[in-house]
């Protein structure tokens, strides 16, 4: 009787951290990857090139960097994600990276999500990323005007307004002013890294 041999998968596959089939398809393109990852409070983006000794990070940007550039709102929302992509794109001009393929890892591909907001920011900054325009968030979500409209609706109920926007108010910005803050931070990024 033949004994069955149990296949042991790679550790990262067992832990649910890497989909090797998807990674191989991306690597076969031989293009720089725009790697987007998120946590509950922050967004991270990197331009990564494959190397046999390990991936090389050409440029990186994180939502924590936005605070230094004047960002006052939450660092885990769609406008912040867009600004992370925009910052990454402006930093990439020095590295001469002109195009990249979006690598979202194990995150679900959701239309208009923060992942696609990062991609839109990178595209607006000058990096060519092949993404369907339907997947990108609209301008109202990116500049925070949806947030401002919702805040105006909640102003009638002061208690709910204070509860929903407590972090914005704690950081010294009204949710209605997020659109102005997005434009101010974009100008700061352009001043620091060029237009």
C-alpha atoms as a PDB file:
ATOM      1  CA  UNK A   1       0.000   0.000   0.000  1.00  0.00           C
ATOM      2  CA  UNK A   2       1.353   3.431  -0.969  1.00  0.00           C
ATOM      3  CA  UNK A   3       1.749   5.999   1.721  1.00  0.00           C
ATOM      4  CA  UNK A   4       0.484   9.514   0.893  1.00  0.00           C
ATOM      5  CA  UNK A   5       2.944  12.334   1.295  1.00  0.00           C
ATOM      6  CA  UNK A   6       1.531  15.502   2.779  1.00  0.00           C
ATOM      7  CA  UNK A   7       2.566  18.681   0.979  1.00  0.00           C
ATOM      8  CA  UNK A   8       3.703  21.459   3.281  1.00  0.00           C
ATOM      9  CA  UNK A   9       3.011  24.884   1.802  1.00  0.00           C
ATOM     10  CA  UNK A  10       5.204  27.921   2.206  1.00  0.00           C
ATOM     11  CA  UNK A  11       4.900  29.561   5.615  1.00  0.00           C
ATOM     12  CA  UNK A  12       3.467  32.835   4.226  1.00  0.00           C
ATOM     13  CA  UNK A  13       0.847  30.863   2.295  1.00  0.00           C
ATOM     14  CA  UNK A  14      -0.098  28.869   5.421  1.00  0.00           C
ATOM     15  CA  UNK A  15      -0.425  32.114   7.406  1.00  0.00           C
ATOM     16  CA  UNK A  16      -2.601  33.677   4.695  1.00  0.00           C
ATOM     17  CA  UNK A  17      -0.111  36.484   4.031  1.00  0.00           C
ATOM     18  CA  UNK A  18       0.812  35.779   0.386  1.00  0.00           C
ATOM     19  CA  UNK A  19      -1.025  34.493  -2.658  1.00  0.00           C
ATOM     20  CA  UNK A  20       1.918  33.131  -4.649  1.00  0.00           C
ATOM     21  CA  UNK A  21      -0.101  32.507  -7.816  1.00  0.00           C
ATOM     22  CA  UNK A  22      -1.202  36.153  -7.919  1.00  0.00           C
ATOM     23  CA  UNK A  23       2.306  37.363  -7.017  1.00  0.00           C
ATOM     24  CA  UNK A  24       3.846  35.323  -9.854  1.00  0.00           C
ATOM     25  CA  UNK A  25       1.458  36.866 -12.400  1.00  0.00           C
ATOM     26  CA  UNK A  26       2.425  40.355 -11.261  1.00  0.00           C
ATOM     27  CA  UNK A  27       6.160  39.568 -11.256  1.00  0.00           C
ATOM     28  CA  UNK A  28       6.028  38.123 -14.778  1.00  0.00           C
ATOM     29  CA  UNK A  29       5.130  41.606 -16.061  1.00  0.00           C
ATOM     30  CA  UNK A  30       8.655  42.714 -15.004  1.00  0.00           C
ATOM     31  CA  UNK A  31       7.258  46.124 -14.087  1.00  0.00           C
ATOM     32  CA  UNK A  32       7.544  48.094 -10.900  1.00  0.00           C
ATOM     33  CA  UNK A  33       4.740  47.299  -8.470  1.00  0.00           C
ATOM     34  CA  UNK A  34       2.664  49.907  -6.657  1.00  0.00           C
ATOM     35  CA  UNK A  35       2.174  48.050  -3.382  1.00  0.00           C
ATOM     36  CA  UNK A  36      -0.706  49.424  -1.289  1.00  0.00           C
ATOM     37  CA  UNK A  37      -1.375  48.258   2.259  1.00  0.00           C
ATOM     38  CA  UNK A  38      -3.656  49.650   4.934  1.00  0.00           C
ATOM     39  CA  UNK A  39      -4.192  49.366   8.645  1.00  0.00           C
ATOM     40  CA  UNK A  40      -7.135  50.653  10.635  1.00  0.00           C
ATOM     41  CA  UNK A  41      -5.617  54.116  10.998  1.00  0.00           C
ATOM     42  CA  UNK A  42      -3.003  54.464   8.258  1.00  0.00           C
ATOM     43  CA  UNK A  43      -2.232  53.917   4.565  1.00  0.00           C
ATOM     44  CA  UNK A  44       1.090  52.750   3.169  1.00  0.00           C
ATOM     45  CA  UNK A  45       2.310  52.760  -0.431  1.00  0.00           C
ATOM     46  CA  UNK A  46       5.570  51.645  -1.998  1.00  0.00           C
ATOM     47  CA  UNK A  47       7.072  51.350  -5.458  1.00  0.00           C
ATOM     48  CA  UNK A  48       8.813  47.975  -5.420  1.00  0.00           C
ATOM     49  CA  UNK A  49      11.027  46.229  -7.963  1.00  0.00           C
ATOM     50  CA  UNK A  50      11.705  42.502  -7.948  1.00  0.00           C
ATOM     51  CA  UNK A  51      15.211  41.300  -7.159  1.00  0.00           C
ATOM     52  CA  UNK A  52      16.419  37.726  -6.644  1.00  0.00           C
ATOM     53  CA  UNK A  53      17.924  38.687  -3.278  1.00  0.00           C
ATOM     54  CA  UNK A  54      14.669  40.329  -2.170  1.00  0.00           C
ATOM     55  CA  UNK A  55      12.330  43.052  -3.358  1.00  0.00           C
ATOM     56  CA  UNK A  56      13.833  46.539  -3.638  1.00  0.00           C
ATOM     57  CA  UNK A  57      11.733  49.437  -2.389  1.00  0.00           C
ATOM     58  CA  UNK A  58      12.391  52.391  -4.695  1.00  0.00           C
ATOM     59  CA  UNK A  59      10.048  54.897  -3.020  1.00  0.00           C
ATOM     60  CA  UNK A  60       7.643  54.757  -0.110  1.00  0.00           C
ATOM     61  CA  UNK A  61       5.013  56.994   1.446  1.00  0.00           C
ATOM     62  CA  UNK A  62       2.829  56.652   4.522  1.00  0.00           C
ATOM     63  CA  UNK A  63      -0.091  58.611   5.869  1.00  0.00           C
ATOM     64  CA  UNK A  64       1.946  59.598   8.954  1.00  0.00           C
ATOM     65  CA  UNK A  65       4.079  61.783   6.647  1.00  0.00           C
ATOM     66  CA  UNK A  66       1.010  63.864   5.787  1.00  0.00           C
ATOM     67  CA  UNK A  67       0.954  65.350   9.305  1.00  0.00           C
ATOM     68  CA  UNK A  68       4.303  67.049   8.592  1.00  0.00           C
ATOM     69  CA  UNK A  69       2.812  68.523   5.419  1.00  0.00           C
ATOM     70  CA  UNK A  70      -0.177  70.076   7.217  1.00  0.00           C
ATOM     71  CA  UNK A  71      -2.778  67.260   7.195  1.00  0.00           C
ATOM     72  CA  UNK A  72      -5.102  67.697  10.183  1.00  0.00           C
ATOM     73  CA  UNK A  73      -7.774  65.078   9.530  1.00  0.00           C
ATOM     74  CA  UNK A  74      -7.885  61.313   9.998  1.00  0.00           C
ATOM     75  CA  UNK A  75      -5.016  59.438   8.286  1.00  0.00           C
ATOM     76  CA  UNK A  76      -7.114  56.382   7.449  1.00  0.00           C
ATOM     77  CA  UNK A  77      -9.789  57.916   5.211  1.00  0.00           C
ATOM     78  CA  UNK A  78     -10.123  58.230   1.421  1.00  0.00           C
ATOM     79  CA  UNK A  79      -8.743  61.804   1.136  1.00  0.00           C
ATOM     80  CA  UNK A  80      -5.669  60.748   3.151  1.00  0.00           C
ATOM     81  CA  UNK A  81      -5.242  57.657   0.951  1.00  0.00           C
ATOM     82  CA  UNK A  82      -5.367  59.850  -2.158  1.00  0.00           C
ATOM     83  CA  UNK A  83      -2.739  62.174  -0.682  1.00  0.00           C
ATOM     84  CA  UNK A  84      -0.470  59.204   0.136  1.00  0.00           C
ATOM     85  CA  UNK A  85      -0.645  58.149  -3.520  1.00  0.00           C
ATOM     86  CA  UNK A  86      -0.016  61.725  -4.640  1.00  0.00           C
ATOM     87  CA  UNK A  87       2.985  62.022  -2.290  1.00  0.00           C
ATOM     88  CA  UNK A  88       4.362  58.708  -3.552  1.00  0.00           C
ATOM     89  CA  UNK A  89       3.969  59.851  -7.161  1.00  0.00           C
ATOM     90  CA  UNK A  90       5.801  63.114  -6.535  1.00  0.00           C
ATOM     91  CA  UNK A  91       8.614  61.304  -4.705  1.00  0.00           C
ATOM     92  CA  UNK A  92       8.842  58.853  -7.623  1.00  0.00           C
ATOM     93  CA  UNK A  93       9.753  61.656 -10.032  1.00  0.00           C
ATOM     94  CA  UNK A  94      13.265  61.684  -8.517  1.00  0.00           C
ATOM     95  CA  UNK A  95      13.538  57.890  -8.957  1.00  0.00           C
ATOM     96  CA  UNK A  96      12.358  58.214 -12.558  1.00  0.00           C
ATOM     97  CA  UNK A  97       9.618  55.607 -12.120  1.00  0.00           C
ATOM     98  CA  UNK A  98       7.030  56.358 -14.780  1.00  0.00           C
ATOM     99  CA  UNK A  99       4.729  53.332 -14.619  1.00  0.00           C
ATOM    100  CA  UNK A 100       3.716  50.646 -12.153  1.00  0.00           C
ATOM    101  CA  UNK A 101       1.272  47.800 -11.709  1.00  0.00           C
ATOM    102  CA  UNK A 102      -1.110  47.925  -8.760  1.00  0.00           C
ATOM    103  CA  UNK A 103      -0.439  45.222  -6.158  1.00  0.00           C
ATOM    104  CA  UNK A 104      -3.203  45.101  -3.539  1.00  0.00           C
ATOM    105  CA  UNK A 105      -2.062  41.816  -2.004  1.00  0.00           C
ATOM    106  CA  UNK A 106      -4.828  39.906  -0.226  1.00  0.00           C
ATOM    107  CA  UNK A 107      -7.097  42.923   0.141  1.00  0.00           C
ATOM    108  CA  UNK A 108     -10.441  42.670  -1.655  1.00  0.00           C
ATOM    109  CA  UNK A 109     -10.806  44.706  -4.825  1.00  0.00           C
ATOM    110  CA  UNK A 110     -13.637  47.109  -3.949  1.00  0.00           C
ATOM    111  CA  UNK A 111     -14.721  49.875  -6.293  1.00  0.00           C
ATOM    112  CA  UNK A 112     -13.920  53.344  -4.903  1.00  0.00           C
ATOM    113  CA  UNK A 113     -11.975  52.006  -1.910  1.00  0.00           C
ATOM    114  CA  UNK A 114      -8.935  53.506  -0.203  1.00  0.00           C
ATOM    115  CA  UNK A 115      -6.654  51.211  -2.208  1.00  0.00           C
ATOM    116  CA  UNK A 116      -7.918  52.743  -5.442  1.00  0.00           C
ATOM    117  CA  UNK A 117      -7.713  56.231  -3.916  1.00  0.00           C
ATOM    118  CA  UNK A 118      -3.946  55.656  -3.513  1.00  0.00           C
ATOM    119  CA  UNK A 119      -3.782  54.566  -7.163  1.00  0.00           C
ATOM    120  CA  UNK A 120      -5.683  57.704  -8.254  1.00  0.00           C
ATOM    121  CA  UNK A 121      -3.259  59.885  -6.291  1.00  0.00           C
ATOM    122  CA  UNK A 122      -0.287  58.199  -7.965  1.00  0.00           C
ATOM    123  CA  UNK A 123      -1.908  58.620 -11.393  1.00  0.00           C
ATOM    124  CA  UNK A 124      -2.594  62.318 -10.745  1.00  0.00           C
ATOM    125  CA  UNK A 125       1.059  62.739  -9.707  1.00  0.00           C
ATOM    126  CA  UNK A 126       2.276  61.368 -13.040  1.00  0.00           C
ATOM    127  CA  UNK A 127       2.691  57.593 -12.661  1.00  0.00           C
ATOM    128  CA  UNK A 128       0.981  55.449 -15.278  1.00  0.00           C
ATOM    129  CA  UNK A 129      -1.014  52.758 -13.435  1.00  0.00           C
ATOM    130  CA  UNK A 130      -3.292  50.533 -15.542  1.00  0.00           C
ATOM    131  CA  UNK A 131      -6.540  50.710 -13.562  1.00  0.00           C
ATOM    132  CA  UNK A 132     -10.090  50.903 -14.866  1.00  0.00           C
ATOM    133  CA  UNK A 133     -11.450  54.445 -14.290  1.00  0.00           C
ATOM    134  CA  UNK A 134     -14.652  52.852 -12.957  1.00  0.00           C
ATOM    135  CA  UNK A 135     -12.721  51.453  -9.968  1.00  0.00           C
ATOM    136  CA  UNK A 136     -11.330  54.835  -8.887  1.00  0.00           C
ATOM    137  CA  UNK A 137     -13.200  56.895  -6.278  1.00  0.00           C
ATOM    138  CA  UNK A 138     -14.958  60.015  -7.530  1.00  0.00           C
ATOM    139  CA  UNK A 139     -13.677  63.538  -6.921  1.00  0.00           C
ATOM    140  CA  UNK A 140     -16.269  64.193  -4.190  1.00  0.00           C
ATOM    141  CA  UNK A 141     -14.878  61.325  -2.104  1.00  0.00           C
ATOM    142  CA  UNK A 142     -11.265  62.302  -2.748  1.00  0.00           C
ATOM    143  CA  UNK A 143     -11.547  65.977  -1.857  1.00  0.00           C
ATOM    144  CA  UNK A 144     -13.755  65.329   1.186  1.00  0.00           C
ATOM    145  CA  UNK A 145     -16.876  67.140  -0.040  1.00  0.00           C
ATOM    146  CA  UNK A 146     -19.004  64.027   0.702  1.00  0.00           C
ATOM    147  CA  UNK A 147     -17.750  64.225   4.269  1.00  0.00           C
ATOM    148  CA  UNK A 148     -18.678  67.910   4.434  1.00  0.00           C
ATOM    149  CA  UNK A 149     -22.210  67.220   3.161  1.00  0.00           C
ATOM    150  CA  UNK A 150     -22.711  64.476   5.741  1.00  0.00           C
ATOM    151  CA  UNK A 151     -21.402  66.782   8.484  1.00  0.00           C
ATOM    152  CA  UNK A 152     -23.927  69.446   7.458  1.00  0.00           C
ATOM    153  CA  UNK A 153     -26.748  66.900   7.755  1.00  0.00           C
ATOM    154  CA  UNK A 154     -25.572  65.885  11.240  1.00  0.00           C
ATOM    155  CA  UNK A 155     -25.198  69.457  12.512  1.00  0.00           C
ATOM    156  CA  UNK A 156     -28.864  69.384  13.507  1.00  0.00           C
ATOM    157  CA  UNK A 157     -28.039  66.675  16.051  1.00  0.00           C
ATOM    158  CA  UNK A 158     -25.074  68.095  18.000  1.00  0.00           C
ATOM    159  CA  UNK A 159     -24.532  64.921  20.023  1.00  0.00           C
ATOM    160  CA  UNK A 160     -24.223  62.666  16.964  1.00  0.00           C
ATOM    161  CA  UNK A 161     -22.081  65.259  15.164  1.00  0.00           C
ATOM    162  CA  UNK A 162     -19.630  65.372  18.077  1.00  0.00           C
ATOM    163  CA  UNK A 163     -19.559  61.574  18.343  1.00  0.00           C
ATOM    164  CA  UNK A 164     -19.065  60.874  14.609  1.00  0.00           C
ATOM    165  CA  UNK A 165     -16.454  63.569  14.065  1.00  0.00           C
ATOM    166  CA  UNK A 166     -14.705  63.479  17.450  1.00  0.00           C
ATOM    167  CA  UNK A 167     -11.251  62.752  15.962  1.00  0.00           C
ATOM    168  CA  UNK A 168     -11.571  65.590  13.454  1.00  0.00           C
ATOM    169  CA  UNK A 169     -12.617  68.019  16.177  1.00  0.00           C
ATOM    170  CA  UNK A 170      -9.842  66.740  18.471  1.00  0.00           C
ATOM    171  CA  UNK A 171      -7.295  67.455  15.716  1.00  0.00           C
ATOM    172  CA  UNK A 172      -8.641  70.983  15.328  1.00  0.00           C
ATOM    173  CA  UNK A 173     -10.399  70.654  11.976  1.00  0.00           C
ATOM    174  CA  UNK A 174     -14.084  70.775  11.205  1.00  0.00           C
ATOM    175  CA  UNK A 175     -15.193  68.030   8.780  1.00  0.00           C
ATOM    176  CA  UNK A 176     -16.554  70.771   6.532  1.00  0.00           C
ATOM    177  CA  UNK A 177     -12.983  72.067   6.062  1.00  0.00           C
ATOM    178  CA  UNK A 178     -11.406  68.797   4.882  1.00  0.00           C
ATOM    179  CA  UNK A 179     -11.622  69.837   1.195  1.00  0.00           C
ATOM    180  CA  UNK A 180      -9.575  72.987   1.933  1.00  0.00           C
ATOM    181  CA  UNK A 181      -7.060  70.884   3.871  1.00  0.00           C
ATOM    182  CA  UNK A 182      -6.702  68.437   0.937  1.00  0.00           C
ATOM    183  CA  UNK A 183      -5.830  71.305  -1.416  1.00  0.00           C
ATOM    184  CA  UNK A 184      -3.408  72.843   1.109  1.00  0.00           C
ATOM    185  CA  UNK A 185      -1.575  69.538   1.580  1.00  0.00           C
ATOM    186  CA  UNK A 186      -1.405  68.970  -2.202  1.00  0.00           C
ATOM    187  CA  UNK A 187       0.265  72.370  -2.535  1.00  0.00           C
ATOM    188  CA  UNK A 188       2.682  71.488   0.294  1.00  0.00           C
ATOM    189  CA  UNK A 189       3.590  68.228  -1.479  1.00  0.00           C
ATOM    190  CA  UNK A 190       4.191  70.089  -4.742  1.00  0.00           C
ATOM    191  CA  UNK A 191       6.305  72.687  -2.955  1.00  0.00           C
ATOM    192  CA  UNK A 192       8.410  69.964  -1.287  1.00  0.00           C
ATOM    193  CA  UNK A 193       8.765  67.552  -4.236  1.00  0.00           C
ATOM    194  CA  UNK A 194       8.018  69.628  -7.344  1.00  0.00           C
ATOM    195  CA  UNK A 195       4.985  69.964  -9.617  1.00  0.00           C
END
